[in-house]
Amino acid sequence: MNNGTFDFNAFIKESKDTLLNPKSYFASLKITGGLIDPLIKAVIYGLIAGLFAFLWNILNLSSMTSGMLGSSVGVFIIAKYAFISVVGLFIGAVITLIISSICKGNTDFEANVRVVAAILVILPISAALDITGGINFYFGIIVSLAINLFAFWLLYNGLIETLKTKPETTKIVVYVFIGIFVITMLLGVQKMSEANRILNQFKNIDFKELPKN
């Protein structure tokens, strides 16, 4: 993807390479060429994730909405994911830049944006597998944890291979972030479990059987 045009075939290949061979992909990732390509990549990932979220919502399989809102908000779900992806691209780039600076790596903003854009390939995968939470809450938690740990692995490769950070320092920083994430996730599981229990109880109410005044 260069020369001012977006190559969709190259986008698909890069997405596969990011997932299947991240070390090699990030080692060859171009860090120049403008912000348009990574921005388009982020939007596409967001739209794909939004389509999955929309589908699970309609089928009443989403771990978050469980179909309560129905298809009327479908387009808003898709737009929301695209927006989150774009915002996440730039916020993530700032965070990655800070980590890269701490680890003595490349602090060029565009380079960091391109690394984060590649990592966002995880977004549609996460949305696609959100169905696991709709099937079983705890299975969904395990899947979500695995996906996020893989995202940290992609981040590590992006820092080491693309931004040329110091490996030992990078390992420590990434481990710290993983620790914070896991602790935060575990603390939230109980609240999420209670929320899902209440939501499921509400869904099972037969309003026709409620007494009328």
N, C-alpha and C. Protein backbone atom coordinates (compact mmCIF):
# COMPACT_ATOMS: atom_id res chain seq x y z
N MET A 1 0.85 -1.19 0.00
CA MET A 1 0.00 0.00 0.00
C MET A 1 0.88 1.24 0.00
N ASN A 2 1.04 1.82 -1.17
CA ASN A 2 1.89 2.99 -1.29
C ASN A 2 1.52 3.76 -2.53
N ASN A 3 2.33 4.75 -2.86
CA ASN A 3 2.12 5.60 -4.04
C ASN A 3 0.76 6.27 -4.05
N GLY A 4 0.24 6.55 -2.85
CA GLY A 4 -1.02 7.28 -2.75
C GLY A 4 -2.27 6.46 -3.00
N THR A 5 -2.14 5.14 -3.21
CA THR A 5 -3.29 4.29 -3.44
C THR A 5 -3.34 3.21 -2.37
N PHE A 6 -4.57 2.76 -2.08
CA PHE A 6 -4.74 1.71 -1.09
C PHE A 6 -4.95 0.39 -1.82
N ASP A 7 -4.06 -0.56 -1.59
CA ASP A 7 -4.10 -1.86 -2.24
C ASP A 7 -4.80 -2.85 -1.31
N PHE A 8 -6.05 -3.23 -1.64
CA PHE A 8 -6.81 -4.10 -0.76
C PHE A 8 -6.21 -5.50 -0.69
N ASN A 9 -5.64 -5.97 -1.79
CA ASN A 9 -4.98 -7.28 -1.78
C ASN A 9 -3.78 -7.28 -0.85
N ALA A 10 -3.03 -6.18 -0.88
CA ALA A 10 -1.89 -6.05 0.03
C ALA A 10 -2.37 -5.98 1.48
N PHE A 11 -3.51 -5.33 1.68
CA PHE A 11 -4.10 -5.23 3.02
C PHE A 11 -4.41 -6.62 3.57
N ILE A 12 -5.03 -7.46 2.75
CA ILE A 12 -5.36 -8.81 3.18
C ILE A 12 -4.10 -9.61 3.50
N LYS A 13 -3.09 -9.50 2.62
CA LYS A 13 -1.84 -10.22 2.84
C LYS A 13 -1.16 -9.76 4.13
N GLU A 14 -1.13 -8.44 4.34
CA GLU A 14 -0.50 -7.91 5.54
C GLU A 14 -1.23 -8.36 6.80
N SER A 15 -2.54 -8.43 6.72
CA SER A 15 -3.33 -8.88 7.86
C SER A 15 -2.99 -10.33 8.21
N LYS A 16 -2.91 -11.17 7.18
CA LYS A 16 -2.54 -12.57 7.40
C LYS A 16 -1.14 -12.68 7.98
N ASP A 17 -0.21 -11.93 7.42
CA ASP A 17 1.18 -11.97 7.89
C ASP A 17 1.30 -11.51 9.34
N THR A 18 0.52 -10.50 9.70
CA THR A 18 0.54 -9.99 11.07
C THR A 18 0.13 -11.08 12.04
N LEU A 19 -0.89 -11.85 11.68
CA LEU A 19 -1.41 -12.89 12.56
C LEU A 19 -0.55 -14.14 12.57
N LEU A 20 -0.05 -14.52 11.40
CA LEU A 20 0.64 -15.80 11.27
C LEU A 20 2.14 -15.72 11.47
N ASN A 21 2.73 -14.59 11.13
CA ASN A 21 4.18 -14.45 11.26
C ASN A 21 4.53 -13.02 11.70
N PRO A 22 4.13 -12.64 12.91
CA PRO A 22 4.30 -11.25 13.35
C PRO A 22 5.75 -10.77 13.38
N LYS A 23 6.65 -11.63 13.78
CA LYS A 23 8.05 -11.21 13.86
C LYS A 23 8.58 -10.77 12.50
N SER A 24 8.32 -11.59 11.49
CA SER A 24 8.78 -11.28 10.14
C SER A 24 8.05 -10.06 9.59
N TYR A 25 6.74 -9.99 9.84
CA TYR A 25 5.97 -8.87 9.32
C TYR A 25 6.44 -7.55 9.89
N PHE A 26 6.56 -7.47 11.20
CA PHE A 26 6.96 -6.21 11.82
C PHE A 26 8.40 -5.84 11.48
N ALA A 27 9.23 -6.85 11.20
CA ALA A 27 10.61 -6.55 10.81
C ALA A 27 10.66 -5.87 9.45
N SER A 28 9.66 -6.14 8.60
CA SER A 28 9.64 -5.56 7.25
C SER A 28 8.63 -4.42 7.10
N LEU A 29 7.97 -4.05 8.19
CA LEU A 29 6.94 -3.02 8.12
C LEU A 29 7.53 -1.65 7.78
N LYS A 30 6.96 -1.01 6.74
CA LYS A 30 7.38 0.33 6.37
C LYS A 30 6.91 1.33 7.41
N ILE A 31 7.78 2.25 7.78
CA ILE A 31 7.42 3.23 8.82
C ILE A 31 7.24 4.63 8.24
N THR A 32 7.23 4.74 6.92
CA THR A 32 6.99 6.03 6.27
C THR A 32 5.95 5.84 5.16
N GLY A 33 5.44 6.97 4.66
CA GLY A 33 4.48 6.92 3.55
C GLY A 33 3.20 7.66 3.85
N GLY A 34 3.11 8.25 5.04
CA GLY A 34 1.92 9.01 5.37
C GLY A 34 0.97 8.26 6.29
N LEU A 35 -0.02 8.97 6.80
CA LEU A 35 -0.97 8.41 7.76
C LEU A 35 -2.26 7.88 7.12
N ILE A 36 -2.42 8.09 5.81
CA ILE A 36 -3.66 7.68 5.16
C ILE A 36 -3.83 6.17 5.17
N ASP A 37 -2.78 5.43 4.80
CA ASP A 37 -2.89 3.97 4.77
C ASP A 37 -3.23 3.38 6.13
N PRO A 38 -2.50 3.72 7.19
CA PRO A 38 -2.88 3.16 8.50
C PRO A 38 -4.27 3.59 8.96
N LEU A 39 -4.69 4.79 8.58
CA LEU A 39 -6.02 5.25 8.94
C LEU A 39 -7.10 4.43 8.23
N ILE A 40 -6.90 4.18 6.93
CA ILE A 40 -7.85 3.35 6.17
C ILE A 40 -7.88 1.94 6.74
N LYS A 41 -6.70 1.43 7.07
CA LYS A 41 -6.62 0.08 7.65
C LYS A 41 -7.42 0.01 8.95
N ALA A 42 -7.28 1.01 9.78
CA ALA A 42 -8.01 1.04 11.06
C ALA A 42 -9.51 1.09 10.82
N VAL A 43 -9.95 1.89 9.86
CA VAL A 43 -11.38 2.00 9.56
C VAL A 43 -11.93 0.66 9.07
N ILE A 44 -11.20 -0.01 8.20
CA ILE A 44 -11.65 -1.30 7.68
C ILE A 44 -11.78 -2.32 8.80
N TYR A 45 -10.77 -2.38 9.66
CA TYR A 45 -10.83 -3.30 10.79
C TYR A 45 -12.04 -2.98 11.68
N GLY A 46 -12.29 -1.70 11.89
CA GLY A 46 -13.42 -1.28 12.71
C GLY A 46 -14.75 -1.66 12.09
N LEU A 47 -14.87 -1.46 10.78
CA LEU A 47 -16.12 -1.80 10.08
C LEU A 47 -16.39 -3.31 10.12
N ILE A 48 -15.33 -4.10 9.93
CA ILE A 48 -15.50 -5.56 9.97
C ILE A 48 -15.93 -5.98 11.38
N ALA A 49 -15.27 -5.41 12.39
CA ALA A 49 -15.64 -5.71 13.77
C ALA A 49 -17.10 -5.31 14.04
N GLY A 50 -17.50 -4.15 13.51
CA GLY A 50 -18.87 -3.69 13.69
C GLY A 50 -19.88 -4.60 13.05
N LEU A 51 -19.55 -5.16 11.89
CA LEU A 51 -20.45 -6.09 11.22
C LEU A 51 -20.66 -7.35 12.05
N PHE A 52 -19.57 -7.85 12.66
CA PHE A 52 -19.70 -9.02 13.53
C PHE A 52 -20.58 -8.68 14.74
N ALA A 53 -20.33 -7.52 15.34
CA ALA A 53 -21.12 -7.10 16.50
C ALA A 53 -22.59 -6.98 16.13
N PHE A 54 -22.86 -6.43 14.96
CA PHE A 54 -24.24 -6.29 14.47
C PHE A 54 -24.90 -7.66 14.30
N LEU A 55 -24.15 -8.60 13.72
CA LEU A 55 -24.67 -9.94 13.48
C LEU A 55 -25.00 -10.65 14.79
N TRP A 56 -24.06 -10.60 15.75
CA TRP A 56 -24.30 -11.28 17.03
C TRP A 56 -25.46 -10.62 17.78
N ASN A 57 -25.61 -9.31 17.60
CA ASN A 57 -26.72 -8.61 18.24
C ASN A 57 -28.06 -9.10 17.69
N ILE A 58 -28.14 -9.25 16.37
CA ILE A 58 -29.37 -9.71 15.74
C ILE A 58 -29.69 -11.14 16.16
N LEU A 59 -28.66 -11.98 16.25
CA LEU A 59 -28.86 -13.39 16.59
C LEU A 59 -28.96 -13.64 18.08
N ASN A 60 -28.90 -12.52 18.86
CA ASN A 60 -29.03 -12.64 20.31
C ASN A 60 -27.88 -13.46 20.91
N LEU A 61 -26.68 -13.32 20.34
CA LEU A 61 -25.53 -14.08 20.80
C LEU A 61 -24.40 -13.22 21.33
N SER A 62 -24.60 -11.93 21.37
CA SER A 62 -23.55 -11.03 21.85
C SER A 62 -23.42 -11.13 23.35
N SER A 63 -22.18 -11.16 23.85
CA SER A 63 -21.94 -11.22 25.30
C SER A 63 -22.27 -9.90 25.96
N MET A 64 -22.37 -8.82 25.16
CA MET A 64 -22.61 -7.51 25.73
C MET A 64 -24.07 -7.08 25.61
N THR A 65 -24.60 -7.10 24.39
CA THR A 65 -25.96 -6.60 24.20
C THR A 65 -27.02 -7.69 24.27
N SER A 66 -26.61 -8.92 23.92
CA SER A 66 -27.52 -10.07 23.93
C SER A 66 -28.82 -9.81 23.20
N GLY A 67 -28.77 -8.96 22.18
CA GLY A 67 -29.94 -8.75 21.35
C GLY A 67 -31.00 -7.87 21.96
N MET A 68 -30.77 -7.34 23.14
CA MET A 68 -31.80 -6.56 23.83
C MET A 68 -32.21 -5.33 23.03
N LEU A 69 -31.25 -4.74 22.34
CA LEU A 69 -31.53 -3.50 21.63
C LEU A 69 -32.08 -3.76 20.23
N GLY A 70 -31.92 -5.00 19.77
CA GLY A 70 -32.48 -5.34 18.47
C GLY A 70 -31.68 -4.77 17.32
N SER A 71 -32.20 -4.95 16.11
CA SER A 71 -31.48 -4.55 14.90
C SER A 71 -31.59 -3.05 14.62
N SER A 72 -32.43 -2.34 15.36
CA SER A 72 -32.64 -0.92 15.08
C SER A 72 -31.38 -0.09 15.30
N VAL A 73 -30.46 -0.61 16.13
CA VAL A 73 -29.23 0.13 16.40
C VAL A 73 -28.06 -0.45 15.62
N GLY A 74 -28.35 -1.31 14.65
CA GLY A 74 -27.29 -2.01 13.93
C GLY A 74 -26.28 -1.09 13.29
N VAL A 75 -26.76 -0.10 12.54
CA VAL A 75 -25.84 0.81 11.85
C VAL A 75 -25.01 1.61 12.85
N PHE A 76 -25.59 1.88 14.00
CA PHE A 76 -24.86 2.62 15.02
C PHE A 76 -23.76 1.77 15.64
N ILE A 77 -24.01 0.46 15.76
CA ILE A 77 -22.99 -0.45 16.26
C ILE A 77 -21.80 -0.46 15.31
N ILE A 78 -22.08 -0.56 14.01
CA ILE A 78 -21.00 -0.59 13.01
C ILE A 78 -20.22 0.72 13.03
N ALA A 79 -20.95 1.84 13.07
CA ALA A 79 -20.28 3.15 13.10
C ALA A 79 -19.47 3.31 14.38
N LYS A 80 -20.00 2.80 15.49
CA LYS A 80 -19.30 2.92 16.77
C LYS A 80 -17.96 2.21 16.72
N TYR A 81 -17.94 1.01 16.15
CA TYR A 81 -16.69 0.26 16.07
C TYR A 81 -15.67 0.95 15.17
N ALA A 82 -16.14 1.52 14.07
CA ALA A 82 -15.24 2.24 13.18
C ALA A 82 -14.64 3.45 13.90
N PHE A 83 -15.48 4.15 14.66
CA PHE A 83 -15.02 5.31 15.42
C PHE A 83 -14.02 4.90 16.50
N ILE A 84 -14.34 3.83 17.22
CA ILE A 84 -13.44 3.34 18.27
C ILE A 84 -12.09 2.94 17.68
N SER A 85 -12.13 2.33 16.51
CA SER A 85 -10.90 1.89 15.86
C SER A 85 -10.00 3.07 15.51
N VAL A 86 -10.60 4.13 14.98
CA VAL A 86 -9.82 5.32 14.61
C VAL A 86 -9.26 6.02 15.85
N VAL A 87 -10.12 6.19 16.86
CA VAL A 87 -9.66 6.81 18.11
C VAL A 87 -8.57 5.95 18.75
N GLY A 88 -8.80 4.63 18.75
CA GLY A 88 -7.81 3.72 19.32
C GLY A 88 -6.49 3.76 18.59
N LEU A 89 -6.54 4.00 17.27
CA LEU A 89 -5.32 4.09 16.48
C LEU A 89 -4.41 5.18 17.00
N PHE A 90 -4.95 6.36 17.23
CA PHE A 90 -4.12 7.50 17.62
C PHE A 90 -3.78 7.49 19.11
N ILE A 91 -4.73 7.07 19.94
CA ILE A 91 -4.41 6.95 21.36
C ILE A 91 -3.38 5.84 21.57
N GLY A 92 -3.58 4.73 20.86
CA GLY A 92 -2.62 3.64 20.96
C GLY A 92 -1.24 4.04 20.47
N ALA A 93 -1.20 4.88 19.43
CA ALA A 93 0.09 5.34 18.90
C ALA A 93 0.83 6.19 19.93
N VAL A 94 0.09 7.02 20.66
CA VAL A 94 0.72 7.84 21.70
C VAL A 94 1.27 6.96 22.81
N ILE A 95 0.48 5.96 23.22
CA ILE A 95 0.93 5.05 24.28
C ILE A 95 2.15 4.26 23.82
N THR A 96 2.09 3.76 22.58
CA THR A 96 3.21 3.00 22.03
C THR A 96 4.45 3.87 21.91
N LEU A 97 4.26 5.12 21.52
CA LEU A 97 5.38 6.05 21.42
C LEU A 97 6.05 6.25 22.78
N ILE A 98 5.24 6.36 23.82
CA ILE A 98 5.79 6.52 25.17
C ILE A 98 6.58 5.28 25.57
N ILE A 99 6.01 4.11 25.30
CA ILE A 99 6.72 2.86 25.61
C ILE A 99 8.02 2.78 24.83
N SER A 100 7.94 3.12 23.54
CA SER A 100 9.14 3.09 22.70
C SER A 100 10.20 4.04 23.21
N SER A 101 9.78 5.20 23.69
CA SER A 101 10.73 6.17 24.25
C SER A 101 11.40 5.61 25.50
N ILE A 102 10.61 4.98 26.37
CA ILE A 102 11.16 4.38 27.59
C ILE A 102 12.16 3.29 27.25
N CYS A 103 11.86 2.56 26.17
CA CYS A 103 12.70 1.42 25.79
C CYS A 103 13.74 1.80 24.74
N LYS A 104 13.98 3.10 24.57
CA LYS A 104 15.03 3.60 23.67
C LYS A 104 14.80 3.21 22.21
N GLY A 105 13.54 3.29 21.78
CA GLY A 105 13.24 2.95 20.40
C GLY A 105 12.84 4.16 19.59
N ASN A 106 12.26 3.91 18.42
CA ASN A 106 11.85 4.97 17.49
C ASN A 106 10.68 5.75 18.08
N THR A 107 10.81 7.07 18.12
CA THR A 107 9.74 7.91 18.66
C THR A 107 9.07 8.75 17.57
N ASP A 108 9.25 8.35 16.33
CA ASP A 108 8.54 9.03 15.25
C ASP A 108 7.07 8.64 15.30
N PHE A 109 6.19 9.63 15.29
CA PHE A 109 4.76 9.36 15.49
C PHE A 109 4.19 8.46 14.40
N GLU A 110 4.55 8.72 13.15
CA GLU A 110 4.01 7.91 12.06
C GLU A 110 4.40 6.45 12.20
N ALA A 111 5.64 6.19 12.59
CA ALA A 111 6.10 4.81 12.78
C ALA A 111 5.25 4.10 13.82
N ASN A 112 4.93 4.80 14.90
CA ASN A 112 4.12 4.21 15.96
C ASN A 112 2.67 4.01 15.52
N VAL A 113 2.16 4.94 14.71
CA VAL A 113 0.81 4.79 14.17
C VAL A 113 0.72 3.54 13.31
N ARG A 114 1.74 3.31 12.50
CA ARG A 114 1.72 2.15 11.60
C ARG A 114 1.80 0.84 12.38
N VAL A 115 2.53 0.83 13.47
CA VAL A 115 2.59 -0.36 14.31
C VAL A 115 1.22 -0.65 14.92
N VAL A 116 0.58 0.38 15.45
CA VAL A 116 -0.74 0.20 16.08
C VAL A 116 -1.78 -0.20 15.05
N ALA A 117 -1.72 0.37 13.85
CA ALA A 117 -2.67 0.01 12.79
C ALA A 117 -2.59 -1.47 12.48
N ALA A 118 -1.38 -2.02 12.48
CA ALA A 118 -1.21 -3.45 12.23
C ALA A 118 -1.80 -4.28 13.37
N ILE A 119 -1.59 -3.81 14.61
CA ILE A 119 -2.10 -4.54 15.77
C ILE A 119 -3.63 -4.56 15.80
N LEU A 120 -4.26 -3.56 15.21
CA LEU A 120 -5.72 -3.48 15.20
C LEU A 120 -6.38 -4.62 14.42
N VAL A 121 -5.59 -5.45 13.77
CA VAL A 121 -6.14 -6.65 13.13
C VAL A 121 -6.84 -7.52 14.16
N ILE A 122 -6.48 -7.33 15.43
CA ILE A 122 -7.06 -8.11 16.50
C ILE A 122 -8.51 -7.70 16.77
N LEU A 123 -8.90 -6.50 16.36
CA LEU A 123 -10.24 -5.99 16.66
C LEU A 123 -11.35 -6.82 16.01
N PRO A 124 -11.32 -7.08 14.70
CA PRO A 124 -12.38 -7.92 14.12
C PRO A 124 -12.35 -9.34 14.65
N ILE A 125 -11.18 -9.85 15.00
CA ILE A 125 -11.09 -11.20 15.57
C ILE A 125 -11.78 -11.23 16.93
N SER A 126 -11.53 -10.21 17.72
CA SER A 126 -12.17 -10.11 19.03
C SER A 126 -13.68 -10.02 18.90
N ALA A 127 -14.14 -9.21 17.94
CA ALA A 127 -15.58 -9.06 17.73
C ALA A 127 -16.21 -10.36 17.22
N ALA A 128 -15.49 -11.05 16.34
CA ALA A 128 -16.01 -12.32 15.80
C ALA A 128 -16.16 -13.36 16.91
N LEU A 129 -15.19 -13.39 17.82
CA LEU A 129 -15.21 -14.39 18.89
C LEU A 129 -16.00 -13.93 20.11
N ASP A 130 -16.60 -12.77 20.03
CA ASP A 130 -17.47 -12.31 21.11
C ASP A 130 -18.66 -13.25 21.27
N ILE A 131 -18.94 -14.02 20.24
CA ILE A 131 -20.02 -15.00 20.30
C ILE A 131 -19.79 -16.02 21.42
N THR A 132 -18.52 -16.27 21.75
CA THR A 132 -18.22 -17.24 22.81
C THR A 132 -18.77 -16.78 24.15
N GLY A 133 -18.75 -15.46 24.38
CA GLY A 133 -19.31 -14.94 25.61
C GLY A 133 -20.81 -15.04 25.65
N GLY A 134 -21.45 -14.97 24.48
CA GLY A 134 -22.88 -15.12 24.40
C GLY A 134 -23.31 -16.56 24.65
N ILE A 135 -22.43 -17.51 24.29
CA ILE A 135 -22.72 -18.92 24.52
C ILE A 135 -22.48 -19.31 25.97
N ASN A 136 -21.32 -18.90 26.49
CA ASN A 136 -20.98 -19.17 27.89
C ASN A 136 -20.09 -18.05 28.40
N PHE A 137 -20.51 -17.43 29.48
CA PHE A 137 -19.82 -16.24 29.99
C PHE A 137 -18.35 -16.52 30.29
N TYR A 138 -18.06 -17.60 31.01
CA TYR A 138 -16.68 -17.86 31.43
C TYR A 138 -15.81 -18.32 30.27
N PHE A 139 -16.40 -19.04 29.33
CA PHE A 139 -15.67 -19.40 28.12
C PHE A 139 -15.29 -18.13 27.36
N GLY A 140 -16.21 -17.18 27.32
CA GLY A 140 -15.93 -15.90 26.66
C GLY A 140 -14.80 -15.14 27.33
N ILE A 141 -14.74 -15.21 28.66
CA ILE A 141 -13.67 -14.55 29.40
C ILE A 141 -12.32 -15.15 29.04
N ILE A 142 -12.26 -16.47 28.98
CA ILE A 142 -11.01 -17.15 28.62
C ILE A 142 -10.57 -16.78 27.21
N VAL A 143 -11.52 -16.78 26.28
CA VAL A 143 -11.20 -16.43 24.89
C VAL A 143 -10.72 -14.98 24.81
N SER A 144 -11.41 -14.09 25.52
CA SER A 144 -11.03 -12.68 25.53
C SER A 144 -9.62 -12.49 26.09
N LEU A 145 -9.31 -13.23 27.15
CA LEU A 145 -7.97 -13.14 27.74
C LEU A 145 -6.91 -13.60 26.74
N ALA A 146 -7.20 -14.70 26.05
CA ALA A 146 -6.24 -15.22 25.06
C ALA A 146 -6.02 -14.22 23.93
N ILE A 147 -7.10 -13.60 23.46
CA ILE A 147 -6.99 -12.62 22.37
C ILE A 147 -6.15 -11.43 22.80
N ASN A 148 -6.39 -10.95 24.00
CA ASN A 148 -5.64 -9.78 24.48
C ASN A 148 -4.17 -10.10 24.74
N LEU A 149 -3.89 -11.30 25.20
CA LEU A 149 -2.49 -11.70 25.38
C LEU A 149 -1.79 -11.78 24.02
N PHE A 150 -2.52 -12.24 23.00
CA PHE A 150 -1.95 -12.26 21.66
C PHE A 150 -1.70 -10.85 21.15
N ALA A 151 -2.59 -9.92 21.50
CA ALA A 151 -2.41 -8.52 21.11
C ALA A 151 -1.13 -7.96 21.75
N PHE A 152 -0.87 -8.33 22.99
CA PHE A 152 0.37 -7.90 23.65
C PHE A 152 1.59 -8.51 22.95
N TRP A 153 1.44 -9.73 22.47
CA TRP A 153 2.53 -10.37 21.73
C TRP A 153 2.81 -9.61 20.42
N LEU A 154 1.74 -9.18 19.75
CA LEU A 154 1.92 -8.36 18.55
C LEU A 154 2.60 -7.04 18.90
N LEU A 155 2.18 -6.43 20.00
CA LEU A 155 2.80 -5.17 20.44
C LEU A 155 4.28 -5.37 20.70
N TYR A 156 4.63 -6.44 21.37
CA TYR A 156 6.04 -6.73 21.67
C TYR A 156 6.85 -6.83 20.38
N ASN A 157 6.32 -7.56 19.40
CA ASN A 157 7.03 -7.70 18.13
C ASN A 157 7.13 -6.37 17.40
N GLY A 158 6.06 -5.57 17.46
CA GLY A 158 6.10 -4.26 16.83
C GLY A 158 7.16 -3.36 17.46
N LEU A 159 7.26 -3.41 18.77
CA LEU A 159 8.27 -2.60 19.47
C LEU A 159 9.69 -3.06 19.14
N ILE A 160 9.89 -4.36 19.20
CA ILE A 160 11.24 -4.90 18.97
C ILE A 160 11.67 -4.81 17.51
N GLU A 161 10.81 -5.28 16.62
CA GLU A 161 11.19 -5.43 15.22
C GLU A 161 11.06 -4.14 14.41
N THR A 162 10.00 -3.37 14.66
CA THR A 162 9.77 -2.16 13.87
C THR A 162 10.38 -0.92 14.52
N LEU A 163 10.12 -0.76 15.79
CA LEU A 163 10.58 0.45 16.49
C LEU A 163 11.95 0.30 17.11
N LYS A 164 12.50 -0.89 17.04
CA LYS A 164 13.89 -1.16 17.45
C LYS A 164 14.15 -0.80 18.92
N THR A 165 13.23 -1.19 19.78
CA THR A 165 13.43 -0.95 21.20
C THR A 165 14.38 -2.00 21.79
N LYS A 166 14.88 -1.73 22.99
CA LYS A 166 15.77 -2.67 23.66
C LYS A 166 14.95 -3.86 24.18
N PRO A 167 15.30 -5.07 23.77
CA PRO A 167 14.48 -6.25 24.10
C PRO A 167 14.23 -6.45 25.60
N GLU A 168 15.26 -6.35 26.42
CA GLU A 168 15.07 -6.63 27.84
C GLU A 168 14.14 -5.62 28.49
N THR A 169 14.35 -4.35 28.19
CA THR A 169 13.49 -3.31 28.75
C THR A 169 12.07 -3.47 28.24
N THR A 170 11.94 -3.81 26.97
CA THR A 170 10.61 -3.99 26.37
C THR A 170 9.86 -5.13 27.04
N LYS A 171 10.55 -6.23 27.31
CA LYS A 171 9.92 -7.36 27.98
C LYS A 171 9.35 -6.94 29.33
N ILE A 172 10.13 -6.20 30.09
CA ILE A 172 9.69 -5.77 31.42
C ILE A 172 8.45 -4.89 31.32
N VAL A 173 8.49 -3.92 30.41
CA VAL A 173 7.36 -2.98 30.26
C VAL A 173 6.11 -3.73 29.81
N VAL A 174 6.25 -4.63 28.83
CA VAL A 174 5.09 -5.38 28.32
C VAL A 174 4.54 -6.29 29.41
N TYR A 175 5.42 -6.93 30.20
CA TYR A 175 4.96 -7.78 31.30
C TYR A 175 4.18 -6.97 32.33
N VAL A 176 4.63 -5.76 32.58
CA VAL A 176 3.91 -4.88 33.52
C VAL A 176 2.52 -4.58 33.00
N PHE A 177 2.43 -4.24 31.71
CA PHE A 177 1.13 -3.95 31.11
C PHE A 177 0.22 -5.18 31.14
N ILE A 178 0.79 -6.36 30.88
CA ILE A 178 0.00 -7.59 30.93
C ILE A 178 -0.52 -7.82 32.34
N GLY A 179 0.35 -7.61 33.33
CA GLY A 179 -0.06 -7.79 34.72
C GLY A 179 -1.20 -6.86 35.10
N ILE A 180 -1.09 -5.60 34.71
CA ILE A 180 -2.15 -4.63 35.00
C ILE A 180 -3.44 -5.03 34.31
N PHE A 181 -3.33 -5.47 33.06
CA PHE A 181 -4.51 -5.87 32.31
C PHE A 181 -5.20 -7.07 32.96
N VAL A 182 -4.43 -8.10 33.31
CA VAL A 182 -5.01 -9.32 33.89
C VAL A 182 -5.68 -9.01 35.22
N ILE A 183 -5.03 -8.22 36.07
CA ILE A 183 -5.62 -7.86 37.36
C ILE A 183 -6.92 -7.10 37.16
N THR A 184 -6.90 -6.14 36.25
CA THR A 184 -8.10 -5.35 35.96
C THR A 184 -9.22 -6.24 35.44
N MET A 185 -8.85 -7.17 34.57
CA MET A 185 -9.85 -8.07 34.00
C MET A 185 -10.47 -8.96 35.07
N LEU A 186 -9.63 -9.50 35.95
CA LEU A 186 -10.14 -10.37 37.01
C LEU A 186 -11.06 -9.62 37.97
N LEU A 187 -10.70 -8.37 38.25
CA LEU A 187 -11.53 -7.57 39.13
C LEU A 187 -12.89 -7.27 38.50
N GLY A 188 -12.90 -7.20 37.17
CA GLY A 188 -14.15 -6.89 36.49
C GLY A 188 -15.03 -8.09 36.21
N VAL A 189 -14.48 -9.31 36.33
CA VAL A 189 -15.24 -10.51 36.00
C VAL A 189 -16.47 -10.65 36.88
N GLN A 190 -16.30 -10.42 38.17
CA GLN A 190 -17.44 -10.58 39.08
C GLN A 190 -18.57 -9.61 38.75
N LYS A 191 -18.20 -8.35 38.49
CA LYS A 191 -19.23 -7.36 38.15
C LYS A 191 -19.90 -7.70 36.83
N MET A 192 -19.11 -8.16 35.86
CA MET A 192 -19.67 -8.54 34.56
C MET A 192 -20.60 -9.75 34.70
N SER A 193 -20.20 -10.69 35.56
CA SER A 193 -21.02 -11.88 35.79
C SER A 193 -22.37 -11.50 36.39
N GLU A 194 -22.36 -10.60 37.36
CA GLU A 194 -23.59 -10.15 37.99
C GLU A 194 -24.47 -9.41 36.99
N ALA A 195 -23.85 -8.58 36.15
CA ALA A 195 -24.61 -7.83 35.15
C ALA A 195 -25.27 -8.77 34.15
N ASN A 196 -24.53 -9.80 33.72
CA ASN A 196 -25.10 -10.77 32.79
C ASN A 196 -26.23 -11.57 33.43
N ARG A 197 -26.09 -11.89 34.72
CA ARG A 197 -27.14 -12.63 35.42
C ARG A 197 -28.44 -11.81 35.46
N ILE A 198 -28.30 -10.53 35.80
CA ILE A 198 -29.48 -9.65 35.85
C ILE A 198 -30.09 -9.48 34.47
N LEU A 199 -29.22 -9.34 33.46
CA LEU A 199 -29.70 -9.17 32.09
C LEU A 199 -30.48 -10.39 31.63
N ASN A 200 -29.95 -11.58 31.93
CA ASN A 200 -30.62 -12.81 31.52
C ASN A 200 -31.96 -12.99 32.25
N GLN A 201 -32.01 -12.58 33.53
CA GLN A 201 -33.27 -12.64 34.27
C GLN A 201 -34.30 -11.72 33.64
N PHE A 202 -33.87 -10.55 33.24
CA PHE A 202 -34.77 -9.59 32.63
C PHE A 202 -35.30 -10.11 31.30
N LYS A 203 -34.44 -10.76 30.53
CA LYS A 203 -34.85 -11.31 29.23
C LYS A 203 -35.89 -12.41 29.38
N ASN A 204 -35.79 -13.17 30.49
CA ASN A 204 -36.67 -14.31 30.67
C ASN A 204 -38.03 -13.95 31.28
N ILE A 205 -38.21 -12.67 31.59
CA ILE A 205 -39.49 -12.26 32.16
C ILE A 205 -40.58 -12.33 31.10
N ASP A 206 -41.66 -12.96 31.43
CA ASP A 206 -42.83 -12.99 30.53
C ASP A 206 -43.76 -11.87 30.96
N PHE A 207 -43.72 -10.77 30.24
CA PHE A 207 -44.48 -9.59 30.62
C PHE A 207 -46.01 -9.82 30.51
N LYS A 208 -46.39 -10.83 29.73
CA LYS A 208 -47.81 -11.10 29.59
C LYS A 208 -48.40 -11.66 30.89
N GLU A 209 -47.51 -12.30 31.69
CA GLU A 209 -47.99 -12.91 32.93
C GLU A 209 -47.96 -11.96 34.11
N LEU A 210 -47.43 -10.75 33.92
CA LEU A 210 -47.39 -9.80 35.01
C LEU A 210 -48.80 -9.30 35.32
N PRO A 211 -49.09 -9.12 36.62
CA PRO A 211 -50.45 -8.64 36.97
C PRO A 211 -50.69 -7.23 36.45
N LYS A 212 -51.92 -7.01 36.02
CA LYS A 212 -52.30 -5.68 35.52
C LYS A 212 -53.02 -4.91 36.61
N ASN A 213 -52.77 -3.61 36.66
CA ASN A 213 -53.45 -2.78 37.65
C ASN A 213 -54.92 -2.55 37.25
